[in-house]
Amino acid sequence: MSKQPVLVVMAAGMGSRYGGLKQIDPVGSHGEAILDYSLFDAYEAGFRTAVIIIKEAIREEFMQTVGKRLQNCPMEILYAYQELDKLPAGYTAPAGRSKPWGTSHAVLCARDAIDGAPFAVINADDYYGKSAFQVIYDYLLTAADGETYDYCMVGYQLGNTVTDHGSVARGVCVTENGLLKDIAERTRIEKRPEGIAYTEDGENWVVLPPETPVSMNMWGFTPSVLAEIESRMAAFLEKALAENPNKGEFYLPMLVADLLQERKATVQVLHSADKWYGVTYAADRPMVQAAVAEMTAQGKYPHGLWQ
């Protein structure tokens, strides 16, 4: 019998645009963070184990807030730590670097806790909606690698994932017949007078249609992806340390794009009927709080998730 799907939550980011630890900032009436609602939805969908990736530097604060609440969560909660020195032999982090090595590295740091199970990956600071967890859980129950790796992602429309308060990073997708054909990480997308657009150099802007499918880092993987990340980590570091030693990151969309180009993986694009909410900036928080309050009033969530 194959192992049951595991949920992996990336909560080690620095929150530089937000100005604090948005992973633990409350949005619910009893102090719940977005992460709490994701775990609640994941449990309802069928997930029974969650691996939360944090940094040792935020461990105490995280455990005193989110960790303390999750003592009453019915899921098995495991922790993994993304640290700058968790690198292949022969590599060291440059002096002065504080930024994590990116989402692919985060997932690799959770390898032992994932323990050979198929797994879904999410951001701690994004609200994905109940149906998103159900469709990805159901997919992972039968995901099996054949001639190619059998992966999936939940897609969202770009126009529903931008903020009025600054730029965002998104994986911009090209799809065909329900499959992901290509994906490019765009680290600066924002609303402009001409529409939603991205820039690579800060001067030239490319407009994107609001219905463009994007990744919000809700991926479904078989364990094969961990070996792929590990095998590519050294090549990433060689490039990053030479070109951008303090900020270079190994993003999951970069990894997936390479696997698609090499025809080593297929990625089914799943869809959720729910609206996405996120807190890229502190000014986004009141909107998320209002949305959570409305969903609680509608009976989608209890007052006090873990009480």
C-alpha atoms as a PDB file:
ATOM      1  CA  MET A   1       0.000   0.000   0.000  1.00  0.00           C
ATOM      2  CA  SER A   2       1.413   3.401  -0.978  1.00  0.00           C
ATOM      3  CA  LYS A   3       1.849   6.075   1.641  1.00  0.00           C
ATOM      4  CA  GLN A   4      -0.899   8.628   2.178  1.00  0.00           C
ATOM      5  CA  PRO A   5      -0.343  12.160   0.824  1.00  0.00           C
ATOM      6  CA  VAL A   6       1.448  14.603   3.095  1.00  0.00           C
ATOM      7  CA  LEU A   7       1.033  18.390   3.181  1.00  0.00           C
ATOM      8  CA  VAL A   8       4.237  20.474   3.136  1.00  0.00           C
ATOM      9  CA  VAL A   9       3.910  24.095   4.273  1.00  0.00           C
ATOM     10  CA  MET A  10       6.672  26.566   3.419  1.00  0.00           C
ATOM     11  CA  ALA A  11       6.890  29.049   6.296  1.00  0.00           C
ATOM     12  CA  ALA A  12      10.580  29.976   6.354  1.00  0.00           C
ATOM     13  CA  GLY A  13      10.404  33.092   4.157  1.00  0.00           C
ATOM     14  CA  MET A  14      11.701  36.414   5.428  1.00  0.00           C
ATOM     15  CA  GLY A  15       8.614  38.524   4.615  1.00  0.00           C
ATOM     16  CA  SER A  16      10.725  41.425   3.335  1.00  0.00           C
ATOM     17  CA  ARG A  17       7.825  43.037   1.447  1.00  0.00           C
ATOM     18  CA  TYR A  18       5.512  42.528   4.409  1.00  0.00           C
ATOM     19  CA  GLY A  19       7.867  43.898   7.034  1.00  0.00           C
ATOM     20  CA  GLY A  20       7.529  41.050   9.520  1.00  0.00           C
ATOM     21  CA  LEU A  21       6.658  37.402  10.053  1.00  0.00           C
ATOM     22  CA  LYS A  22       3.460  37.178   8.030  1.00  0.00           C
ATOM     23  CA  GLN A  23       3.490  33.398   8.611  1.00  0.00           C
ATOM     24  CA  ILE A  24       2.230  34.003  12.156  1.00  0.00           C
ATOM     25  CA  ASP A  25       0.255  37.241  11.822  1.00  0.00           C
ATOM     26  CA  PRO A  26      -3.361  36.711  12.938  1.00  0.00           C
ATOM     27  CA  VAL A  27      -6.277  37.029  10.515  1.00  0.00           C
ATOM     28  CA  GLY A  28      -8.895  35.036  12.454  1.00  0.00           C
ATOM     29  CA  SER A  29     -10.989  36.045  15.455  1.00  0.00           C
ATOM     30  CA  HIS A  30      -9.044  33.747  17.813  1.00  0.00           C
ATOM     31  CA  GLY A  31      -5.604  34.705  16.569  1.00  0.00           C
ATOM     32  CA  GLU A  32      -5.454  32.183  13.724  1.00  0.00           C
ATOM     33  CA  ALA A  33      -3.004  32.809  10.895  1.00  0.00           C
ATOM     34  CA  ILE A  34      -3.722  31.896   7.270  1.00  0.00           C
ATOM     35  CA  LEU A  35      -1.695  28.748   7.921  1.00  0.00           C
ATOM     36  CA  ASP A  36      -4.302  27.557  10.437  1.00  0.00           C
ATOM     37  CA  TYR A  37      -7.059  27.775   7.832  1.00  0.00           C
ATOM     38  CA  SER A  38      -4.961  25.883   5.292  1.00  0.00           C
ATOM     39  CA  LEU A  39      -4.387  23.069   7.776  1.00  0.00           C
ATOM     40  CA  PHE A  40      -8.090  22.993   8.657  1.00  0.00           C
ATOM     41  CA  ASP A  41      -9.038  22.723   4.962  1.00  0.00           C
ATOM     42  CA  ALA A  42      -6.323  20.138   4.321  1.00  0.00           C
ATOM     43  CA  TYR A  43      -7.591  17.957   7.160  1.00  0.00           C
ATOM     44  CA  GLU A  44     -11.142  18.117   5.818  1.00  0.00           C
ATOM     45  CA  ALA A  45      -9.806  17.083   2.396  1.00  0.00           C
ATOM     46  CA  GLY A  46      -8.103  13.978   3.838  1.00  0.00           C
ATOM     47  CA  PHE A  47      -4.542  15.006   4.744  1.00  0.00           C
ATOM     48  CA  ARG A  48      -3.472  13.590   8.099  1.00  0.00           C
ATOM     49  CA  THR A  49       0.183  14.704   8.275  1.00  0.00           C
ATOM     50  CA  ALA A  50       1.645  18.169   7.723  1.00  0.00           C
ATOM     51  CA  VAL A  51       5.314  19.139   7.556  1.00  0.00           C
ATOM     52  CA  ILE A  52       5.894  22.805   8.370  1.00  0.00           C
ATOM     53  CA  ILE A  53       9.179  24.276   7.156  1.00  0.00           C
ATOM     54  CA  ILE A  54      10.533  27.132   9.269  1.00  0.00           C
ATOM     55  CA  LYS A  55      13.883  28.697  10.150  1.00  0.00           C
ATOM     56  CA  GLU A  56      15.618  28.083  13.438  1.00  0.00           C
ATOM     57  CA  ALA A  57      15.711  31.870  13.929  1.00  0.00           C
ATOM     58  CA  ILE A  58      11.896  32.075  14.143  1.00  0.00           C
ATOM     59  CA  ARG A  59      11.355  28.786  15.950  1.00  0.00           C
ATOM     60  CA  GLU A  60      10.646  30.205  19.396  1.00  0.00           C
ATOM     61  CA  GLU A  61       8.203  32.843  18.156  1.00  0.00           C
ATOM     62  CA  PHE A  62       6.498  30.369  15.817  1.00  0.00           C
ATOM     63  CA  MET A  63       6.074  27.720  18.501  1.00  0.00           C
ATOM     64  CA  GLN A  64       4.675  30.225  20.993  1.00  0.00           C
ATOM     65  CA  THR A  65       1.963  31.268  18.551  1.00  0.00           C
ATOM     66  CA  VAL A  66       1.088  28.893  15.709  1.00  0.00           C
ATOM     67  CA  GLY A  67       2.770  25.874  17.272  1.00  0.00           C
ATOM     68  CA  LYS A  68       0.900  26.309  20.523  1.00  0.00           C
ATOM     69  CA  ARG A  69      -2.457  26.464  18.744  1.00  0.00           C
ATOM     70  CA  LEU A  70      -1.635  23.423  16.635  1.00  0.00           C
ATOM     71  CA  GLN A  71      -1.310  21.264  19.746  1.00  0.00           C
ATOM     72  CA  ASN A  72      -5.088  20.919  19.403  1.00  0.00           C
ATOM     73  CA  CYS A  73      -4.974  20.241  15.641  1.00  0.00           C
ATOM     74  CA  PRO A  74      -6.021  16.636  14.800  1.00  0.00           C
ATOM     75  CA  MET A  75      -3.254  16.357  12.176  1.00  0.00           C
ATOM     76  CA  GLU A  76       0.202  15.007  12.886  1.00  0.00           C
ATOM     77  CA  ILE A  77       2.426  18.111  12.747  1.00  0.00           C
ATOM     78  CA  LEU A  78       6.098  17.672  11.909  1.00  0.00           C
ATOM     79  CA  TYR A  79       8.738  20.370  11.531  1.00  0.00           C
ATOM     80  CA  ALA A  80      11.652  20.787   9.151  1.00  0.00           C
ATOM     81  CA  TYR A  81      14.219  23.572   9.133  1.00  0.00           C
ATOM     82  CA  GLN A  82      15.486  25.493   6.118  1.00  0.00           C
ATOM     83  CA  GLU A  83      18.922  26.844   6.946  1.00  0.00           C
ATOM     84  CA  LEU A  84      21.541  28.549   4.787  1.00  0.00           C
ATOM     85  CA  ASP A  85      24.185  25.948   5.624  1.00  0.00           C
ATOM     86  CA  LYS A  86      22.100  22.955   4.474  1.00  0.00           C
ATOM     87  CA  LEU A  87      24.001  22.693   1.208  1.00  0.00           C
ATOM     88  CA  PRO A  88      25.792  19.981  -0.783  1.00  0.00           C
ATOM     89  CA  ALA A  89      29.314  19.120   0.318  1.00  0.00           C
ATOM     90  CA  GLY A  90      31.836  21.717  -0.786  1.00  0.00           C
ATOM     91  CA  TYR A  91      29.451  24.683  -0.753  1.00  0.00           C
ATOM     92  CA  THR A  92      29.023  27.371   1.901  1.00  0.00           C
ATOM     93  CA  ALA A  93      26.744  30.368   2.158  1.00  0.00           C
ATOM     94  CA  PRO A  94      28.477  33.672   1.382  1.00  0.00           C
ATOM     95  CA  ALA A  95      29.156  36.040   4.255  1.00  0.00           C
ATOM     96  CA  GLY A  96      26.319  38.495   4.712  1.00  0.00           C
ATOM     97  CA  ARG A  97      23.614  36.359   3.096  1.00  0.00           C
ATOM     98  CA  SER A  98      20.371  36.101   5.109  1.00  0.00           C
ATOM     99  CA  LYS A  99      17.858  35.236   2.383  1.00  0.00           C
ATOM    100  CA  PRO A 100      16.800  31.552   2.143  1.00  0.00           C
ATOM    101  CA  TRP A 101      17.865  29.585  -0.930  1.00  0.00           C
ATOM    102  CA  GLY A 102      14.343  29.400  -2.368  1.00  0.00           C
ATOM    103  CA  THR A 103      11.328  27.116  -2.509  1.00  0.00           C
ATOM    104  CA  SER A 104      13.047  24.133  -4.140  1.00  0.00           C
ATOM    105  CA  HIS A 105      15.677  24.166  -1.387  1.00  0.00           C
ATOM    106  CA  ALA A 106      12.902  24.466   1.222  1.00  0.00           C
ATOM    107  CA  VAL A 107      11.228  21.308  -0.042  1.00  0.00           C
ATOM    108  CA  LEU A 108      14.542  19.451  -0.061  1.00  0.00           C
ATOM    109  CA  CYS A 109      15.074  20.401   3.592  1.00  0.00           C
ATOM    110  CA  ALA A 110      11.809  18.562   4.413  1.00  0.00           C
ATOM    111  CA  ARG A 111      12.885  15.343   2.696  1.00  0.00           C
ATOM    112  CA  ASP A 112      13.283  13.226   5.845  1.00  0.00           C
ATOM    113  CA  ALA A 113       9.911  14.286   7.238  1.00  0.00           C
ATOM    114  CA  ILE A 114       8.144  13.614   3.914  1.00  0.00           C
ATOM    115  CA  ASP A 115       9.532  10.080   4.176  1.00  0.00           C
ATOM    116  CA  GLY A 116       8.780   8.830   0.677  1.00  0.00           C
ATOM    117  CA  ALA A 117       5.140   9.922   0.504  1.00  0.00           C
ATOM    118  CA  PRO A 118       3.464  11.850  -2.304  1.00  0.00           C
ATOM    119  CA  PHE A 119       3.025  15.409  -1.123  1.00  0.00           C
ATOM    120  CA  ALA A 120       1.390  18.757  -1.739  1.00  0.00           C
ATOM    121  CA  VAL A 121       3.341  21.991  -1.248  1.00  0.00           C
ATOM    122  CA  ILE A 122       1.824  25.337  -0.230  1.00  0.00           C
ATOM    123  CA  ASN A 123       2.921  28.755   0.994  1.00  0.00           C
ATOM    124  CA  ALA A 124       2.082  29.556   4.611  1.00  0.00           C
ATOM    125  CA  ASP A 125       0.823  33.044   3.741  1.00  0.00           C
ATOM    126  CA  ASP A 126      -1.606  32.167   0.927  1.00  0.00           C
ATOM    127  CA  TYR A 127      -5.259  31.221   1.397  1.00  0.00           C
ATOM    128  CA  TYR A 128      -6.067  28.659  -1.291  1.00  0.00           C
ATOM    129  CA  GLY A 129      -9.668  27.633  -0.511  1.00  0.00           C
ATOM    130  CA  LYS A 130     -11.270  24.339   0.469  1.00  0.00           C
ATOM    131  CA  SER A 131     -11.754  22.910  -3.017  1.00  0.00           C
ATOM    132  CA  ALA A 132      -8.060  23.395  -3.865  1.00  0.00           C
ATOM    133  CA  PHE A 133      -7.026  21.013  -1.093  1.00  0.00           C
ATOM    134  CA  GLN A 134      -9.657  18.486  -2.109  1.00  0.00           C
ATOM    135  CA  VAL A 135      -8.645  18.329  -5.777  1.00  0.00           C
ATOM    136  CA  ILE A 136      -4.929  18.067  -5.021  1.00  0.00           C
ATOM    137  CA  TYR A 137      -5.442  15.411  -2.330  1.00  0.00           C
ATOM    138  CA  ASP A 138      -7.623  13.333  -4.650  1.00  0.00           C
ATOM    139  CA  TYR A 139      -5.016  13.599  -7.418  1.00  0.00           C
ATOM    140  CA  LEU A 140      -2.160  12.542  -5.162  1.00  0.00           C
ATOM    141  CA  LEU A 141      -4.038   9.436  -4.005  1.00  0.00           C
ATOM    142  CA  THR A 142      -3.498   7.884  -7.442  1.00  0.00           C
ATOM    143  CA  ALA A 143      -0.421   9.766  -8.717  1.00  0.00           C
ATOM    144  CA  ALA A 144       2.170   7.322 -10.012  1.00  0.00           C
ATOM    145  CA  ASP A 145       5.321   7.893 -12.044  1.00  0.00           C
ATOM    146  CA  GLY A 146       5.517   6.014 -15.333  1.00  0.00           C
ATOM    147  CA  GLU A 147       7.646   6.985 -18.307  1.00  0.00           C
ATOM    148  CA  THR A 148       7.401  10.523 -16.915  1.00  0.00           C
ATOM    149  CA  TYR A 149       6.914  11.928 -13.431  1.00  0.00           C
ATOM    150  CA  ASP A 150       3.249  12.416 -12.508  1.00  0.00           C
ATOM    151  CA  TYR A 151       2.886  15.875 -10.943  1.00  0.00           C
ATOM    152  CA  CYS A 152       0.086  18.434 -10.621  1.00  0.00           C
ATOM    153  CA  MET A 153      -0.571  22.033  -9.607  1.00  0.00           C
ATOM    154  CA  VAL A 154      -3.598  24.146  -8.739  1.00  0.00           C
ATOM    155  CA  GLY A 155      -3.856  27.103 -11.097  1.00  0.00           C
ATOM    156  CA  TYR A 156      -5.346  30.536 -10.434  1.00  0.00           C
ATOM    157  CA  GLN A 157      -6.146  33.455 -12.708  1.00  0.00           C
ATOM    158  CA  LEU A 158      -3.539  36.210 -12.502  1.00  0.00           C
ATOM    159  CA  GLY A 159      -6.143  38.958 -12.135  1.00  0.00           C
ATOM    160  CA  ASN A 160      -7.362  37.371  -8.890  1.00  0.00           C
ATOM    161  CA  THR A 161      -3.893  37.175  -7.353  1.00  0.00           C
ATOM    162  CA  VAL A 162      -2.451  40.694  -7.610  1.00  0.00           C
ATOM    163  CA  THR A 163      -2.541  43.379  -4.938  1.00  0.00           C
ATOM    164  CA  ASP A 164      -3.183  47.118  -4.969  1.00  0.00           C
ATOM    165  CA  HIS A 165      -0.202  47.665  -2.682  1.00  0.00           C
ATOM    166  CA  GLY A 166       2.848  46.749  -4.780  1.00  0.00           C
ATOM    167  CA  SER A 167       4.436  44.009  -6.840  1.00  0.00           C
ATOM    168  CA  VAL A 168       4.101  40.241  -6.444  1.00  0.00           C
ATOM    169  CA  ALA A 169       5.995  37.175  -7.663  1.00  0.00           C
ATOM    170  CA  ARG A 170       4.070  34.561  -9.638  1.00  0.00           C
ATOM    171  CA  GLY A 171       4.802  31.528 -11.769  1.00  0.00           C
ATOM    172  CA  VAL A 172       3.259  32.495 -15.133  1.00  0.00           C
ATOM    173  CA  CYS A 173       1.957  29.369 -16.885  1.00  0.00           C
ATOM    174  CA  VAL A 174       1.341  28.190 -20.427  1.00  0.00           C
ATOM    175  CA  THR A 175      -1.225  25.363 -20.537  1.00  0.00           C
ATOM    176  CA  GLU A 176      -2.563  23.053 -23.221  1.00  0.00           C
ATOM    177  CA  ASN A 177      -5.339  20.466 -22.896  1.00  0.00           C
ATOM    178  CA  GLY A 178      -5.222  20.665 -19.125  1.00  0.00           C
ATOM    179  CA  LEU A 179      -1.459  20.163 -18.900  1.00  0.00           C
ATOM    180  CA  LEU A 180       1.249  22.617 -17.970  1.00  0.00           C
ATOM    181  CA  LYS A 181       3.506  23.206 -20.978  1.00  0.00           C
ATOM    182  CA  ASP A 182       5.813  25.893 -19.578  1.00  0.00           C
ATOM    183  CA  ILE A 183       6.187  28.123 -16.537  1.00  0.00           C
ATOM    184  CA  ALA A 184       8.309  31.203 -15.860  1.00  0.00           C
ATOM    185  CA  GLU A 185       8.910  32.762 -12.457  1.00  0.00           C
ATOM    186  CA  ARG A 186       8.189  36.493 -12.685  1.00  0.00           C
ATOM    187  CA  THR A 187       9.377  38.203  -9.525  1.00  0.00           C
ATOM    188  CA  ARG A 188       7.881  41.639 -10.208  1.00  0.00           C
ATOM    189  CA  ILE A 189       4.273  41.738 -11.413  1.00  0.00           C
ATOM    190  CA  GLU A 190       2.060  44.688 -10.557  1.00  0.00           C
ATOM    191  CA  LYS A 191      -0.987  46.697 -11.545  1.00  0.00           C
ATOM    192  CA  ARG A 192      -0.127  49.534 -13.920  1.00  0.00           C
ATOM    193  CA  PRO A 193      -2.155  52.066 -15.950  1.00  0.00           C
ATOM    194  CA  GLU A 194      -1.863  49.830 -19.022  1.00  0.00           C
ATOM    195  CA  GLY A 195      -2.934  46.705 -17.089  1.00  0.00           C
ATOM    196  CA  ILE A 196      -1.214  43.932 -15.146  1.00  0.00           C
ATOM    197  CA  ALA A 197       2.405  43.722 -16.280  1.00  0.00           C
ATOM    198  CA  TYR A 198       5.786  42.326 -15.315  1.00  0.00           C
ATOM    199  CA  THR A 199       9.333  43.600 -15.686  1.00  0.00           C
ATOM    200  CA  GLU A 200      12.717  41.919 -15.620  1.00  0.00           C
ATOM    201  CA  ASP A 201      14.836  45.075 -15.584  1.00  0.00           C
ATOM    202  CA  GLY A 202      12.611  47.648 -13.860  1.00  0.00           C
ATOM    203  CA  GLU A 203      12.195  49.676 -17.056  1.00  0.00           C
ATOM    204  CA  ASN A 204      10.537  47.563 -19.741  1.00  0.00           C
ATOM    205  CA  TRP A 205       7.078  46.189 -18.956  1.00  0.00           C
ATOM    206  CA  VAL A 206       5.158  43.307 -20.559  1.00  0.00           C
ATOM    207  CA  VAL A 207       1.368  43.314 -20.149  1.00  0.00           C
ATOM    208  CA  LEU A 208      -0.310  40.029 -19.203  1.00  0.00           C
ATOM    209  CA  PRO A 209      -4.038  39.250 -19.644  1.00  0.00           C
ATOM    210  CA  PRO A 210      -5.851  38.981 -16.275  1.00  0.00           C
ATOM    211  CA  GLU A 211      -7.012  35.451 -17.149  1.00  0.00           C
ATOM    212  CA  THR A 212      -3.416  34.234 -17.506  1.00  0.00           C
ATOM    213  CA  PRO A 213      -3.016  31.065 -15.402  1.00  0.00           C
ATOM    214  CA  VAL A 214      -0.455  31.365 -12.637  1.00  0.00           C
ATOM    215  CA  SER A 215       1.037  29.139  -9.981  1.00  0.00           C
ATOM    216  CA  MET A 216       0.614  30.126  -6.345  1.00  0.00           C
ATOM    217  CA  ASN A 217       3.057  27.402  -5.259  1.00  0.00           C
ATOM    218  CA  MET A 218       0.347  24.809  -4.696  1.00  0.00           C
ATOM    219  CA  TRP A 219       2.086  21.813  -6.205  1.00  0.00           C
ATOM    220  CA  GLY A 220       1.509  18.086  -6.025  1.00  0.00           C
ATOM    221  CA  PHE A 221       4.592  15.887  -6.335  1.00  0.00           C
ATOM    222  CA  THR A 222       5.614  12.262  -6.117  1.00  0.00           C
ATOM    223  CA  PRO A 223       8.827  11.590  -4.133  1.00  0.00           C
ATOM    224  CA  SER A 224      10.835  11.599  -7.382  1.00  0.00           C
ATOM    225  CA  VAL A 225      10.981  15.399  -7.267  1.00  0.00           C
ATOM    226  CA  LEU A 226      13.270  15.302  -4.228  1.00  0.00           C
ATOM    227  CA  ALA A 227      15.977  13.439  -6.105  1.00  0.00           C
ATOM    228  CA  GLU A 228      15.646  15.921  -8.971  1.00  0.00           C
ATOM    229  CA  ILE A 229      16.099  18.900  -6.644  1.00  0.00           C
ATOM    230  CA  GLU A 230      19.110  17.288  -4.991  1.00  0.00           C
ATOM    231  CA  SER A 231      20.751  16.478  -8.313  1.00  0.00           C
ATOM    232  CA  ARG A 232      20.330  20.068  -9.564  1.00  0.00           C
ATOM    233  CA  MET A 233      21.252  21.936  -6.402  1.00  0.00           C
ATOM    234  CA  ALA A 234      24.976  22.090  -7.123  1.00  0.00           C
ATOM    235  CA  ALA A 235      24.449  23.533 -10.616  1.00  0.00           C
ATOM    236  CA  PHE A 236      22.111  26.158  -9.187  1.00  0.00           C
ATOM    237  CA  LEU A 237      24.665  27.136  -6.540  1.00  0.00           C
ATOM    238  CA  GLU A 238      27.465  27.441  -9.074  1.00  0.00           C
ATOM    239  CA  LYS A 239      25.406  29.955 -11.050  1.00  0.00           C
ATOM    240  CA  ALA A 240      23.927  31.791  -8.053  1.00  0.00           C
ATOM    241  CA  LEU A 241      27.212  32.204  -6.192  1.00  0.00           C
ATOM    242  CA  ALA A 242      28.822  33.638  -9.307  1.00  0.00           C
ATOM    243  CA  GLU A 243      26.000  35.941 -10.428  1.00  0.00           C
ATOM    244  CA  ASN A 244      23.822  36.791  -7.412  1.00  0.00           C
ATOM    245  CA  PRO A 245      25.395  35.406  -4.215  1.00  0.00           C
ATOM    246  CA  ASN A 246      23.199  37.241  -1.721  1.00  0.00           C
ATOM    247  CA  LYS A 247      19.803  36.896  -3.392  1.00  0.00           C
ATOM    248  CA  GLY A 248      19.831  34.024  -5.915  1.00  0.00           C
ATOM    249  CA  GLU A 249      17.019  31.536  -5.247  1.00  0.00           C
ATOM    250  CA  PHE A 250      16.105  28.094  -6.580  1.00  0.00           C
ATOM    251  CA  TYR A 251      12.370  28.404  -7.203  1.00  0.00           C
ATOM    252  CA  LEU A 252      10.015  25.459  -7.709  1.00  0.00           C
ATOM    253  CA  PRO A 253       8.784  26.905 -11.048  1.00  0.00           C
ATOM    254  CA  MET A 254      12.405  26.912 -12.270  1.00  0.00           C
ATOM    255  CA  LEU A 255      12.718  23.231 -11.431  1.00  0.00           C
ATOM    256  CA  VAL A 256       9.372  22.327 -13.019  1.00  0.00           C
ATOM    257  CA  ALA A 257      10.176  24.310 -16.174  1.00  0.00           C
ATOM    258  CA  ASP A 258      13.415  22.354 -16.584  1.00  0.00           C
ATOM    259  CA  LEU A 259      11.650  19.009 -16.109  1.00  0.00           C
ATOM    260  CA  LEU A 260       8.986  19.965 -18.657  1.00  0.00           C
ATOM    261  CA  GLN A 261      11.599  21.049 -21.177  1.00  0.00           C
ATOM    262  CA  GLU A 262      13.460  17.780 -20.688  1.00  0.00           C
ATOM    263  CA  ARG A 263      10.145  15.877 -20.993  1.00  0.00           C
ATOM    264  CA  LYS A 264      10.807  14.158 -17.700  1.00  0.00           C
ATOM    265  CA  ALA A 265       7.503  15.224 -16.106  1.00  0.00           C
ATOM    266  CA  THR A 266       3.863  15.926 -16.904  1.00  0.00           C
ATOM    267  CA  VAL A 267       1.978  18.413 -14.734  1.00  0.00           C
ATOM    268  CA  GLN A 268      -1.819  18.280 -14.614  1.00  0.00           C
ATOM    269  CA  VAL A 269      -3.352  21.717 -14.003  1.00  0.00           C
ATOM    270  CA  LEU A 270      -6.145  21.438 -11.442  1.00  0.00           C
ATOM    271  CA  HIS A 271      -8.717  24.129 -10.774  1.00  0.00           C
ATOM    272  CA  SER A 272     -10.348  25.468  -7.639  1.00  0.00           C
ATOM    273  CA  ALA A 273     -13.649  27.314  -7.514  1.00  0.00           C
ATOM    274  CA  ASP A 274     -12.563  29.223  -4.410  1.00  0.00           C
ATOM    275  CA  LYS A 275     -11.025  32.688  -4.337  1.00  0.00           C
ATOM    276  CA  TRP A 276      -7.372  33.096  -3.419  1.00  0.00           C
ATOM    277  CA  TYR A 277      -6.325  35.550  -0.692  1.00  0.00           C
ATOM    278  CA  GLY A 278      -2.820  36.490   0.386  1.00  0.00           C
ATOM    279  CA  VAL A 279      -0.785  38.931   2.460  1.00  0.00           C
ATOM    280  CA  THR A 280       2.168  40.021   0.390  1.00  0.00           C
ATOM    281  CA  TYR A 281       2.049  43.403   2.126  1.00  0.00           C
ATOM    282  CA  ALA A 282       0.826  44.463   5.563  1.00  0.00           C
ATOM    283  CA  ALA A 283      -1.851  46.563   3.832  1.00  0.00           C
ATOM    284  CA  ASP A 284      -3.346  43.330   2.415  1.00  0.00           C
ATOM    285  CA  ARG A 285      -4.144  41.998   5.873  1.00  0.00           C
ATOM    286  CA  PRO A 286      -7.470  43.854   6.513  1.00  0.00           C
ATOM    287  CA  MET A 287      -8.914  42.415   3.287  1.00  0.00           C
ATOM    288  CA  VAL A 288      -7.958  38.884   4.329  1.00  0.00           C
ATOM    289  CA  GLN A 289      -9.347  39.429   7.824  1.00  0.00           C
ATOM    290  CA  ALA A 290     -12.649  40.605   6.344  1.00  0.00           C
ATOM    291  CA  ALA A 291     -12.811  37.611   3.998  1.00  0.00           C
ATOM    292  CA  VAL A 292     -12.134  35.163   6.834  1.00  0.00           C
ATOM    293  CA  ALA A 293     -14.767  36.846   9.013  1.00  0.00           C
ATOM    294  CA  GLU A 294     -17.319  36.563   6.192  1.00  0.00           C
ATOM    295  CA  MET A 295     -16.556  32.880   5.582  1.00  0.00           C
ATOM    296  CA  THR A 296     -16.827  32.221   9.319  1.00  0.00           C
ATOM    297  CA  ALA A 297     -20.204  33.998   9.419  1.00  0.00           C
ATOM    298  CA  GLN A 298     -21.325  31.809   6.508  1.00  0.00           C
ATOM    299  CA  GLY A 299     -20.447  28.697   8.508  1.00  0.00           C
ATOM    300  CA  LYS A 300     -17.461  27.612   6.396  1.00  0.00           C
ATOM    301  CA  TYR A 301     -15.264  27.779   9.489  1.00  0.00           C
ATOM    302  CA  PRO A 302     -16.003  27.520  13.210  1.00  0.00           C
ATOM    303  CA  HIS A 303     -15.233  30.365  15.588  1.00  0.00           C
ATOM    304  CA  GLY A 304     -11.888  29.235  16.940  1.00  0.00           C
ATOM    305  CA  LEU A 305     -10.556  26.541  14.599  1.00  0.00           C
ATOM    306  CA  TRP A 306      -8.824  24.342  17.158  1.00  0.00           C
ATOM    307  CA  GLN A 307     -10.951  24.943  20.244  1.00  0.00           C
END
